[in-house]
Amino acid sequence: MSDDQRDEAAGTVHDLARLTSAPEPNVPAVRTRVDRLRELLAGSADIAQPALAIIASVAALFGA
C-alpha cells in the first residue's frame, strides 16, 4: 500500500468514526466509506485482515 493510500485509508477510518458516532448517522455516507475502505485494504496483507474484520462489524450495523 502506498503512502497516499495509507493516508486515504486513515482518513476514511476517521470519517467512519465521525459518521457512526452521530446520533443519526448518514447511512449512505457510511456505506460509501465502508466500500472505499474495503477497496483500499483488499490488497494490503499487513493490515487487511484486522481492518476488514472491523469493517465487517461496522458494515453489519449499517447494512453495507
PDB file of N, CA and C in Angstrom:
ATOM      1  N   MET A   1       0.848  -1.163   0.000  1.00  0.00           N
ATOM      2  CA  MET A   1       0.000   0.000   0.000  1.00  0.00           C
ATOM      3  C   MET A   1       0.902   1.236   0.000  1.00  0.00           C
ATOM      4  N   SER A   2       0.604   2.147  -0.895  1.00  0.00           N
ATOM      5  CA  SER A   2       1.419   3.360  -0.982  1.00  0.00           C
ATOM      6  C   SER A   2       1.110   4.302   0.185  1.00  0.00           C
ATOM      7  N   ASP A   3       1.983   5.276   0.376  1.00  0.00           N
ATOM      8  CA  ASP A   3       1.762   6.249   1.445  1.00  0.00           C
ATOM      9  C   ASP A   3       0.450   7.009   1.238  1.00  0.00           C
ATOM     10  N   ASP A   4       0.159   7.349  -0.013  1.00  0.00           N
ATOM     11  CA  ASP A   4      -1.096   8.060  -0.303  1.00  0.00           C
ATOM     12  C   ASP A   4      -2.306   7.195   0.045  1.00  0.00           C
ATOM     13  N   GLN A   5      -2.218   5.912  -0.265  1.00  0.00           N
ATOM     14  CA  GLN A   5      -3.324   5.005   0.060  1.00  0.00           C
ATOM     15  C   GLN A   5      -3.476   4.843   1.566  1.00  0.00           C
ATOM     16  N   ARG A   6      -2.365   4.779   2.274  1.00  0.00           N
ATOM     17  CA  ARG A   6      -2.425   4.691   3.740  1.00  0.00           C
ATOM     18  C   ARG A   6      -3.081   5.936   4.327  1.00  0.00           C
ATOM     19  N   ASP A   7      -2.695   7.098   3.796  1.00  0.00           N
ATOM     20  CA  ASP A   7      -3.295   8.346   4.268  1.00  0.00           C
ATOM     21  C   ASP A   7      -4.793   8.373   3.985  1.00  0.00           C
ATOM     22  N   GLU A   8      -5.180   7.919   2.788  1.00  0.00           N
ATOM     23  CA  GLU A   8      -6.595   7.878   2.444  1.00  0.00           C
ATOM     24  C   GLU A   8      -7.353   6.908   3.346  1.00  0.00           C
ATOM     25  N   ALA A   9      -6.757   5.744   3.596  1.00  0.00           N
ATOM     26  CA  ALA A   9      -7.396   4.757   4.466  1.00  0.00           C
ATOM     27  C   ALA A   9      -7.563   5.316   5.875  1.00  0.00           C
ATOM     28  N   ALA A  10      -6.541   5.967   6.393  1.00  0.00           N
ATOM     29  CA  ALA A  10      -6.629   6.554   7.737  1.00  0.00           C
ATOM     30  C   ALA A  10      -7.710   7.632   7.775  1.00  0.00           C
ATOM     31  N   GLY A  11      -7.767   8.457   6.758  1.00  0.00           N
ATOM     32  CA  GLY A  11      -8.796   9.487   6.696  1.00  0.00           C
ATOM     33  C   GLY A  11     -10.193   8.895   6.619  1.00  0.00           C
ATOM     34  N   THR A  12     -10.320   7.810   5.876  1.00  0.00           N
ATOM     35  CA  THR A  12     -11.615   7.140   5.748  1.00  0.00           C
ATOM     36  C   THR A  12     -12.045   6.526   7.072  1.00  0.00           C
ATOM     37  N   VAL A  13     -11.104   5.962   7.804  1.00  0.00           N
ATOM     38  CA  VAL A  13     -11.407   5.406   9.127  1.00  0.00           C
ATOM     39  C   VAL A  13     -11.890   6.523  10.050  1.00  0.00           C
ATOM     40  N   HIS A  14     -11.229   7.666  10.006  1.00  0.00           N
ATOM     41  CA  HIS A  14     -11.649   8.795  10.841  1.00  0.00           C
ATOM     42  C   HIS A  14     -13.038   9.284  10.428  1.00  0.00           C
ATOM     43  N   ASP A  15     -13.292   9.326   9.112  1.00  0.00           N
ATOM     44  CA  ASP A  15     -14.630   9.702   8.632  1.00  0.00           C
ATOM     45  C   ASP A  15     -15.687   8.737   9.164  1.00  0.00           C
ATOM     46  N   LEU A  16     -15.387   7.443   9.100  1.00  0.00           N
ATOM     47  CA  LEU A  16     -16.341   6.446   9.597  1.00  0.00           C
ATOM     48  C   LEU A  16     -16.595   6.617  11.085  1.00  0.00           C
ATOM     49  N   ALA A  17     -15.550   6.872  11.833  1.00  0.00           N
ATOM     50  CA  ALA A  17     -15.712   7.073  13.282  1.00  0.00           C
ATOM     51  C   ALA A  17     -16.612   8.274  13.545  1.00  0.00           C
ATOM     52  N   ARG A  18     -16.386   9.353  12.820  1.00  0.00           N
ATOM     53  CA  ARG A  18     -17.198  10.558  12.994  1.00  0.00           C
ATOM     54  C   ARG A  18     -18.642  10.290  12.584  1.00  0.00           C
ATOM     55  N   LEU A  19     -18.829   9.670  11.416  1.00  0.00           N
ATOM     56  CA  LEU A  19     -20.180   9.413  10.913  1.00  0.00           C
ATOM     57  C   LEU A  19     -20.971   8.465  11.810  1.00  0.00           C
ATOM     58  N   THR A  20     -20.318   7.416  12.291  1.00  0.00           N
ATOM     59  CA  THR A  20     -21.038   6.415  13.084  1.00  0.00           C
ATOM     60  C   THR A  20     -21.292   6.858  14.521  1.00  0.00           C
ATOM     61  N   SER A  21     -20.615   7.914  14.959  1.00  0.00           N
ATOM     62  CA  SER A  21     -20.851   8.404  16.312  1.00  0.00           C
ATOM     63  C   SER A  21     -21.975   9.443  16.362  1.00  0.00           C
ATOM     64  N   ALA A  22     -22.465   9.849  15.212  1.00  0.00           N
ATOM     65  CA  ALA A  22     -23.556  10.826  15.162  1.00  0.00           C
ATOM     66  C   ALA A  22     -24.835  10.197  15.704  1.00  0.00           C
ATOM     67  N   PRO A  23     -25.692  11.000  16.338  1.00  0.00           N
ATOM     68  CA  PRO A  23     -26.951  10.463  16.850  1.00  0.00           C
ATOM     69  C   PRO A  23     -27.803   9.795  15.764  1.00  0.00           C
ATOM     70  N   GLU A  24     -27.787  10.379  14.567  1.00  0.00           N
ATOM     71  CA  GLU A  24     -28.492   9.788  13.425  1.00  0.00           C
ATOM     72  C   GLU A  24     -27.516   9.723  12.263  1.00  0.00           C
ATOM     73  N   PRO A  25     -26.743   8.635  12.173  1.00  0.00           N
ATOM     74  CA  PRO A  25     -25.712   8.534  11.145  1.00  0.00           C
ATOM     75  C   PRO A  25     -26.288   8.611   9.728  1.00  0.00           C
ATOM     76  N   ASN A  26     -25.517   9.205   8.845  1.00  0.00           N
ATOM     77  CA  ASN A  26     -25.845   9.275   7.428  1.00  0.00           C
ATOM     78  C   ASN A  26     -25.470   7.922   6.818  1.00  0.00           C
ATOM     79  N   VAL A  27     -26.434   7.025   6.734  1.00  0.00           N
ATOM     80  CA  VAL A  27     -26.174   5.643   6.317  1.00  0.00           C
ATOM     81  C   VAL A  27     -25.573   5.560   4.914  1.00  0.00           C
ATOM     82  N   PRO A  28     -26.067   6.294   3.915  1.00  0.00           N
ATOM     83  CA  PRO A  28     -25.423   6.223   2.600  1.00  0.00           C
ATOM     84  C   PRO A  28     -23.952   6.649   2.636  1.00  0.00           C
ATOM     85  N   ALA A  29     -23.630   7.660   3.430  1.00  0.00           N
ATOM     86  CA  ALA A  29     -22.231   8.096   3.547  1.00  0.00           C
ATOM     87  C   ALA A  29     -21.387   7.019   4.223  1.00  0.00           C
ATOM     88  N   VAL A  30     -21.944   6.366   5.233  1.00  0.00           N
ATOM     89  CA  VAL A  30     -21.230   5.275   5.905  1.00  0.00           C
ATOM     90  C   VAL A  30     -20.957   4.161   4.905  1.00  0.00           C
ATOM     91  N   ARG A  31     -21.955   3.784   4.146  1.00  0.00           N
ATOM     92  CA  ARG A  31     -21.783   2.702   3.167  1.00  0.00           C
ATOM     93  C   ARG A  31     -20.723   3.047   2.136  1.00  0.00           C
ATOM     94  N   THR A  32     -20.718   4.290   1.667  1.00  0.00           N
ATOM     95  CA  THR A  32     -19.710   4.719   0.691  1.00  0.00           C
ATOM     96  C   THR A  32     -18.308   4.601   1.275  1.00  0.00           C
ATOM     97  N   ARG A  33     -18.134   5.058   2.518  1.00  0.00           N
ATOM     98  CA  ARG A  33     -16.806   4.981   3.159  1.00  0.00           C
ATOM     99  C   ARG A  33     -16.393   3.530   3.390  1.00  0.00           C
ATOM    100  N   VAL A  34     -17.332   2.687   3.797  1.00  0.00           N
ATOM    101  CA  VAL A  34     -17.027   1.270   4.023  1.00  0.00           C
ATOM    102  C   VAL A  34     -16.584   0.627   2.713  1.00  0.00           C
ATOM    103  N   ASP A  35     -17.288   0.901   1.635  1.00  0.00           N
ATOM    104  CA  ASP A  35     -16.917   0.329   0.338  1.00  0.00           C
ATOM    105  C   ASP A  35     -15.524   0.778  -0.088  1.00  0.00           C
ATOM    106  N   ARG A  36     -15.222   2.065   0.074  1.00  0.00           N
ATOM    107  CA  ARG A  36     -13.907   2.576  -0.315  1.00  0.00           C
ATOM    108  C   ARG A  36     -12.812   1.955   0.541  1.00  0.00           C
ATOM    109  N   LEU A  37     -13.069   1.827   1.819  1.00  0.00           N
ATOM    110  CA  LEU A  37     -12.069   1.237   2.706  1.00  0.00           C
ATOM    111  C   LEU A  37     -11.810  -0.219   2.342  1.00  0.00           C
ATOM    112  N   ARG A  38     -12.858  -0.946   2.012  1.00  0.00           N
ATOM    113  CA  ARG A  38     -12.675  -2.330   1.551  1.00  0.00           C
ATOM    114  C   ARG A  38     -11.763  -2.379   0.330  1.00  0.00           C
ATOM    115  N   GLU A  39     -11.999  -1.475  -0.625  1.00  0.00           N
ATOM    116  CA  GLU A  39     -11.176  -1.427  -1.837  1.00  0.00           C
ATOM    117  C   GLU A  39      -9.718  -1.158  -1.501  1.00  0.00           C
ATOM    118  N   LEU A  40      -9.497  -0.182  -0.632  1.00  0.00           N
ATOM    119  CA  LEU A  40      -8.125   0.182  -0.277  1.00  0.00           C
ATOM    120  C   LEU A  40      -7.398  -0.950   0.441  1.00  0.00           C
ATOM    121  N   LEU A  41      -8.106  -1.652   1.304  1.00  0.00           N
ATOM    122  CA  LEU A  41      -7.453  -2.650   2.145  1.00  0.00           C
ATOM    123  C   LEU A  41      -7.364  -4.036   1.514  1.00  0.00           C
ATOM    124  N   ALA A  42      -8.135  -4.265   0.483  1.00  0.00           N
ATOM    125  CA  ALA A  42      -8.185  -5.606  -0.109  1.00  0.00           C
ATOM    126  C   ALA A  42      -6.810  -6.103  -0.550  1.00  0.00           C
ATOM    127  N   GLY A  43      -5.947  -5.215  -1.016  1.00  0.00           N
ATOM    128  CA  GLY A  43      -4.636  -5.639  -1.487  1.00  0.00           C
ATOM    129  C   GLY A  43      -3.528  -5.478  -0.478  1.00  0.00           C
ATOM    130  N   SER A  44      -3.839  -5.193   0.746  1.00  0.00           N
ATOM    131  CA  SER A  44      -2.843  -4.921   1.768  1.00  0.00           C
ATOM    132  C   SER A  44      -2.791  -6.019   2.806  1.00  0.00           C
ATOM    133  N   ALA A  45      -1.895  -6.939   2.648  1.00  0.00           N
ATOM    134  CA  ALA A  45      -1.832  -8.091   3.546  1.00  0.00           C
ATOM    135  C   ALA A  45      -1.469  -7.712   4.978  1.00  0.00           C
ATOM    136  N   ASP A  46      -0.654  -6.670   5.166  1.00  0.00           N
ATOM    137  CA  ASP A  46      -0.173  -6.364   6.515  1.00  0.00           C
ATOM    138  C   ASP A  46      -1.260  -5.864   7.459  1.00  0.00           C
ATOM    139  N   ILE A  47      -2.264  -5.162   6.939  1.00  0.00           N
ATOM    140  CA  ILE A  47      -3.321  -4.665   7.819  1.00  0.00           C
ATOM    141  C   ILE A  47      -4.711  -5.109   7.397  1.00  0.00           C
ATOM    142  N   ALA A  48      -4.785  -5.827   6.311  1.00  0.00           N
ATOM    143  CA  ALA A  48      -6.097  -6.147   5.740  1.00  0.00           C
ATOM    144  C   ALA A  48      -6.976  -6.974   6.661  1.00  0.00           C
ATOM    145  N   GLN A  49      -6.481  -8.042   7.210  1.00  0.00           N
ATOM    146  CA  GLN A  49      -7.343  -8.936   7.993  1.00  0.00           C
ATOM    147  C   GLN A  49      -7.948  -8.258   9.222  1.00  0.00           C
ATOM    148  N   PRO A  50      -7.147  -7.603  10.073  1.00  0.00           N
ATOM    149  CA  PRO A  50      -7.770  -6.936  11.223  1.00  0.00           C
ATOM    150  C   PRO A  50      -8.709  -5.807  10.799  1.00  0.00           C
ATOM    151  N   ALA A  51      -8.300  -5.048   9.807  1.00  0.00           N
ATOM    152  CA  ALA A  51      -9.127  -3.924   9.359  1.00  0.00           C
ATOM    153  C   ALA A  51     -10.414  -4.414   8.730  1.00  0.00           C
ATOM    154  N   LEU A  52     -10.346  -5.450   7.932  1.00  0.00           N
ATOM    155  CA  LEU A  52     -11.554  -5.975   7.301  1.00  0.00           C
ATOM    156  C   LEU A  52     -12.525  -6.544   8.329  1.00  0.00           C
ATOM    157  N   ALA A  53     -12.022  -7.088   9.424  1.00  0.00           N
ATOM    158  CA  ALA A  53     -12.899  -7.568  10.491  1.00  0.00           C
ATOM    159  C   ALA A  53     -13.663  -6.400  11.127  1.00  0.00           C
ATOM    160  N   ILE A  54     -12.979  -5.288  11.322  1.00  0.00           N
ATOM    161  CA  ILE A  54     -13.636  -4.099  11.877  1.00  0.00           C
ATOM    162  C   ILE A  54     -14.666  -3.570  10.886  1.00  0.00           C
ATOM    163  N   ILE A  55     -14.285  -3.511   9.621  1.00  0.00           N
ATOM    164  CA  ILE A  55     -15.206  -3.030   8.585  1.00  0.00           C
ATOM    165  C   ILE A  55     -16.447  -3.907   8.520  1.00  0.00           C
ATOM    166  N   ALA A  56     -16.281  -5.208   8.629  1.00  0.00           N
ATOM    167  CA  ALA A  56     -17.429  -6.115   8.593  1.00  0.00           C
ATOM    168  C   ALA A  56     -18.388  -5.830   9.740  1.00  0.00           C
ATOM    169  N   SER A  57     -17.852  -5.521  10.902  1.00  0.00           N
ATOM    170  CA  SER A  57     -18.708  -5.201  12.058  1.00  0.00           C
ATOM    171  C   SER A  57     -19.477  -3.906  11.831  1.00  0.00           C
ATOM    172  N   VAL A  58     -18.791  -2.878  11.328  1.00  0.00           N
ATOM    173  CA  VAL A  58     -19.455  -1.604  11.053  1.00  0.00           C
ATOM    174  C   VAL A  58     -20.480  -1.780   9.936  1.00  0.00           C
ATOM    175  N   ALA A  59     -20.094  -2.499   8.893  1.00  0.00           N
ATOM    176  CA  ALA A  59     -20.995  -2.710   7.765  1.00  0.00           C
ATOM    177  C   ALA A  59     -22.278  -3.413   8.196  1.00  0.00           C
ATOM    178  N   ALA A  60     -22.151  -4.370   9.078  1.00  0.00           N
ATOM    179  CA  ALA A  60     -23.331  -5.088   9.566  1.00  0.00           C
ATOM    180  C   ALA A  60     -24.289  -4.166  10.293  1.00  0.00           C
ATOM    181  N   LEU A  61     -23.745  -3.196  11.002  1.00  0.00           N
ATOM    182  CA  LEU A  61     -24.585  -2.248  11.730  1.00  0.00           C
ATOM    183  C   LEU A  61     -25.378  -1.332  10.798  1.00  0.00           C
ATOM    184  N   PHE A  62     -24.809  -1.074   9.612  1.00  0.00           N
ATOM    185  CA  PHE A  62     -25.419  -0.111   8.703  1.00  0.00           C
ATOM    186  C   PHE A  62     -25.906  -0.751   7.402  1.00  0.00           C
ATOM    187  N   GLY A  63     -25.926  -2.050   7.356  1.00  0.00           N
ATOM    188  CA  GLY A  63     -26.435  -2.747   6.181  1.00  0.00           C
ATOM    189  C   GLY A  63     -25.624  -2.487   4.934  1.00  0.00           C
ATOM    190  N   ALA A  64     -24.339  -2.295   5.102  1.00  0.00           N
ATOM    191  CA  ALA A  64     -23.481  -2.026   3.944  1.00  0.00           C
ATOM    192  C   ALA A  64     -22.866  -3.303   3.425  1.00  0.00           C
TER     193      ALA A  64
END
